[in-house]
Amino acid sequence: MAINMEAVTVSPKYQIVIPRKVRESLRIRPGQKIQVIEYDGHVHLIPIRPMRELRGHLKGIDTTVERDKDRV
């Protein structure tokens, strides 16, 4: 897991520019939606991915867990 850490400046309109290394690493494109979460004094920016891009993401997951009878 690579860590990209760079400082950015908030503009008078409260905008920031996501540094190129971070944009390229996360494959962020113009017009893409990003979820903004404030938690415990930190701001987290999470790219929202299309569902089709997540296809196969959970391949190999163990589905044999015991479930409640009303959840089968």
N, C-alpha and C. Protein backbone atom coordinates (compact mmCIF):
# COMPACT_ATOMS: atom_id res chain seq x y z
N MET A 1 0.85 -1.18 0.00
CA MET A 1 0.00 0.00 0.00
C MET A 1 0.89 1.24 0.00
N ALA A 2 0.78 2.02 -1.04
CA ALA A 2 1.57 3.24 -1.15
C ALA A 2 0.86 4.38 -0.43
N ILE A 3 1.65 5.26 0.16
CA ILE A 3 1.09 6.42 0.83
C ILE A 3 1.55 7.66 0.10
N ASN A 4 0.59 8.46 -0.37
CA ASN A 4 0.87 9.74 -1.00
C ASN A 4 0.45 10.82 -0.02
N MET A 5 1.38 11.69 0.35
CA MET A 5 1.06 12.77 1.27
C MET A 5 1.61 14.07 0.70
N GLU A 6 0.72 15.00 0.43
CA GLU A 6 1.11 16.31 -0.07
C GLU A 6 0.22 17.36 0.56
N ALA A 7 0.74 18.56 0.70
CA ALA A 7 -0.04 19.68 1.24
C ALA A 7 -0.76 20.38 0.09
N VAL A 8 -1.98 20.82 0.36
CA VAL A 8 -2.74 21.59 -0.60
C VAL A 8 -3.23 22.86 0.10
N THR A 9 -3.62 23.84 -0.68
CA THR A 9 -4.11 25.10 -0.13
C THR A 9 -5.58 25.26 -0.47
N VAL A 10 -6.36 25.66 0.51
CA VAL A 10 -7.78 25.90 0.29
C VAL A 10 -7.94 27.30 -0.30
N SER A 11 -8.65 27.39 -1.43
CA SER A 11 -8.85 28.67 -2.11
C SER A 11 -9.89 29.50 -1.35
N PRO A 12 -10.04 30.79 -1.71
CA PRO A 12 -11.07 31.61 -1.09
C PRO A 12 -12.49 31.05 -1.30
N LYS A 13 -12.66 30.19 -2.32
CA LYS A 13 -13.96 29.55 -2.57
C LYS A 13 -14.04 28.17 -1.91
N TYR A 14 -13.10 27.87 -1.02
CA TYR A 14 -13.04 26.60 -0.29
C TYR A 14 -12.80 25.42 -1.22
N GLN A 15 -12.06 25.62 -2.29
CA GLN A 15 -11.73 24.55 -3.22
C GLN A 15 -10.28 24.11 -3.00
N ILE A 16 -10.01 22.86 -3.32
CA ILE A 16 -8.64 22.34 -3.29
C ILE A 16 -8.36 21.65 -4.62
N VAL A 17 -7.08 21.50 -4.95
CA VAL A 17 -6.67 20.74 -6.11
C VAL A 17 -6.06 19.45 -5.60
N ILE A 18 -6.56 18.31 -6.09
CA ILE A 18 -6.01 17.02 -5.71
C ILE A 18 -4.71 16.84 -6.48
N PRO A 19 -3.59 16.62 -5.79
CA PRO A 19 -2.30 16.52 -6.46
C PRO A 19 -2.29 15.42 -7.53
N ARG A 20 -1.51 15.65 -8.59
CA ARG A 20 -1.45 14.75 -9.74
C ARG A 20 -1.13 13.31 -9.33
N LYS A 21 -0.13 13.12 -8.45
CA LYS A 21 0.23 11.75 -8.03
C LYS A 21 -0.97 11.02 -7.44
N VAL A 22 -1.74 11.73 -6.63
CA VAL A 22 -2.91 11.12 -5.99
C VAL A 22 -4.00 10.84 -7.02
N ARG A 23 -4.26 11.81 -7.91
CA ARG A 23 -5.28 11.60 -8.96
C ARG A 23 -4.93 10.40 -9.82
N GLU A 24 -3.67 10.29 -10.21
CA GLU A 24 -3.26 9.17 -11.07
C GLU A 24 -3.33 7.85 -10.32
N SER A 25 -2.88 7.85 -9.07
CA SER A 25 -2.89 6.63 -8.28
C SER A 25 -4.31 6.10 -8.07
N LEU A 26 -5.26 7.01 -7.85
CA LEU A 26 -6.65 6.62 -7.60
C LEU A 26 -7.51 6.63 -8.85
N ARG A 27 -6.90 6.95 -9.99
CA ARG A 27 -7.61 7.01 -11.28
C ARG A 27 -8.83 7.93 -11.21
N ILE A 28 -8.65 9.11 -10.61
CA ILE A 28 -9.72 10.09 -10.51
C ILE A 28 -9.77 10.88 -11.81
N ARG A 29 -10.96 11.02 -12.37
CA ARG A 29 -11.16 11.71 -13.65
C ARG A 29 -12.03 12.95 -13.45
N PRO A 30 -11.91 13.94 -14.34
CA PRO A 30 -12.76 15.12 -14.24
C PRO A 30 -14.25 14.73 -14.28
N GLY A 31 -15.02 15.35 -13.41
CA GLY A 31 -16.45 15.08 -13.35
C GLY A 31 -16.82 13.91 -12.45
N GLN A 32 -15.83 13.17 -11.96
CA GLN A 32 -16.11 12.02 -11.10
C GLN A 32 -16.58 12.50 -9.74
N LYS A 33 -17.52 11.77 -9.15
CA LYS A 33 -18.03 12.09 -7.82
C LYS A 33 -17.06 11.55 -6.77
N ILE A 34 -16.93 12.31 -5.67
CA ILE A 34 -16.08 11.91 -4.55
C ILE A 34 -16.88 12.11 -3.27
N GLN A 35 -16.92 11.09 -2.45
CA GLN A 35 -17.61 11.16 -1.16
C GLN A 35 -16.71 11.90 -0.17
N VAL A 36 -17.24 12.88 0.54
CA VAL A 36 -16.48 13.63 1.54
C VAL A 36 -17.02 13.25 2.92
N ILE A 37 -16.13 12.74 3.76
CA ILE A 37 -16.53 12.30 5.10
C ILE A 37 -15.68 13.04 6.13
N GLU A 38 -16.33 13.65 7.10
CA GLU A 38 -15.63 14.27 8.22
C GLU A 38 -15.80 13.33 9.41
N TYR A 39 -14.67 12.91 9.97
CA TYR A 39 -14.71 11.96 11.08
C TYR A 39 -13.58 12.27 12.04
N ASP A 40 -13.92 12.52 13.26
CA ASP A 40 -12.94 12.70 14.33
C ASP A 40 -11.89 13.75 13.98
N GLY A 41 -12.33 14.86 13.38
CA GLY A 41 -11.41 15.94 13.06
C GLY A 41 -10.61 15.77 11.78
N HIS A 42 -10.91 14.73 11.01
CA HIS A 42 -10.22 14.48 9.75
C HIS A 42 -11.21 14.54 8.59
N VAL A 43 -10.71 14.90 7.41
CA VAL A 43 -11.53 14.88 6.21
C VAL A 43 -11.04 13.74 5.34
N HIS A 44 -11.94 12.87 4.92
CA HIS A 44 -11.61 11.75 4.05
C HIS A 44 -12.31 11.96 2.71
N LEU A 45 -11.57 11.83 1.62
CA LEU A 45 -12.12 11.94 0.27
C LEU A 45 -12.08 10.55 -0.35
N ILE A 46 -13.25 10.02 -0.71
CA ILE A 46 -13.33 8.65 -1.22
C ILE A 46 -13.97 8.68 -2.60
N PRO A 47 -13.21 8.27 -3.63
CA PRO A 47 -13.79 8.24 -4.98
C PRO A 47 -14.97 7.27 -5.05
N ILE A 48 -16.05 7.70 -5.69
CA ILE A 48 -17.21 6.83 -5.88
C ILE A 48 -17.00 6.10 -7.20
N ARG A 49 -17.04 4.79 -7.16
CA ARG A 49 -16.80 3.96 -8.33
C ARG A 49 -18.10 3.41 -8.89
N PRO A 50 -18.21 3.29 -10.21
CA PRO A 50 -19.40 2.66 -10.80
C PRO A 50 -19.48 1.19 -10.38
N MET A 51 -20.68 0.65 -10.23
CA MET A 51 -20.86 -0.73 -9.80
C MET A 51 -20.16 -1.71 -10.74
N ARG A 52 -20.19 -1.44 -12.05
CA ARG A 52 -19.57 -2.40 -12.98
C ARG A 52 -18.05 -2.50 -12.77
N GLU A 53 -17.45 -1.44 -12.23
CA GLU A 53 -16.02 -1.47 -11.95
C GLU A 53 -15.70 -2.39 -10.77
N LEU A 54 -16.69 -2.64 -9.91
CA LEU A 54 -16.49 -3.48 -8.74
C LEU A 54 -16.74 -4.96 -9.01
N ARG A 55 -17.16 -5.29 -10.23
CA ARG A 55 -17.45 -6.68 -10.57
C ARG A 55 -16.22 -7.56 -10.33
N GLY A 56 -16.42 -8.66 -9.61
CA GLY A 56 -15.34 -9.59 -9.32
C GLY A 56 -14.49 -9.19 -8.13
N HIS A 57 -14.82 -8.08 -7.50
CA HIS A 57 -14.02 -7.57 -6.38
C HIS A 57 -14.00 -8.54 -5.20
N LEU A 58 -15.07 -9.27 -4.99
CA LEU A 58 -15.17 -10.19 -3.85
C LEU A 58 -14.97 -11.64 -4.27
N LYS A 59 -14.34 -11.87 -5.40
CA LYS A 59 -14.10 -13.23 -5.89
C LYS A 59 -13.33 -14.03 -4.84
N GLY A 60 -13.83 -15.23 -4.55
CA GLY A 60 -13.17 -16.10 -3.59
C GLY A 60 -13.63 -15.91 -2.16
N ILE A 61 -14.58 -15.01 -1.91
CA ILE A 61 -15.05 -14.79 -0.55
C ILE A 61 -15.80 -16.04 -0.06
N ASP A 62 -15.63 -16.36 1.21
CA ASP A 62 -16.29 -17.52 1.80
C ASP A 62 -17.76 -17.21 2.03
N THR A 63 -18.65 -17.90 1.32
CA THR A 63 -20.09 -17.66 1.45
C THR A 63 -20.77 -18.74 2.29
N THR A 64 -19.98 -19.54 2.99
CA THR A 64 -20.56 -20.63 3.77
C THR A 64 -20.84 -20.22 5.21
N VAL A 65 -20.86 -18.95 5.51
CA VAL A 65 -21.12 -18.51 6.88
C VAL A 65 -22.55 -18.87 7.28
N GLU A 66 -22.74 -19.18 8.56
CA GLU A 66 -24.06 -19.52 9.03
C GLU A 66 -24.91 -18.26 9.12
N ARG A 67 -26.12 -18.33 8.60
CA ARG A 67 -27.00 -17.15 8.55
C ARG A 67 -28.26 -17.40 9.38
N ASP A 68 -28.87 -16.31 9.80
CA ASP A 68 -30.16 -16.41 10.50
C ASP A 68 -31.18 -16.97 9.50
N LYS A 69 -32.16 -17.74 10.00
CA LYS A 69 -33.14 -18.37 9.11
C LYS A 69 -33.92 -17.36 8.29
N ASP A 70 -34.15 -16.16 8.82
CA ASP A 70 -34.91 -15.16 8.07
C ASP A 70 -34.04 -14.41 7.07
N ARG A 71 -32.75 -14.74 6.97
CA ARG A 71 -31.82 -14.06 6.06
C ARG A 71 -31.33 -14.96 4.93
N VAL A 72 -31.90 -16.15 4.80
CA VAL A 72 -31.44 -17.09 3.76
C VAL A 72 -32.13 -16.81 2.46
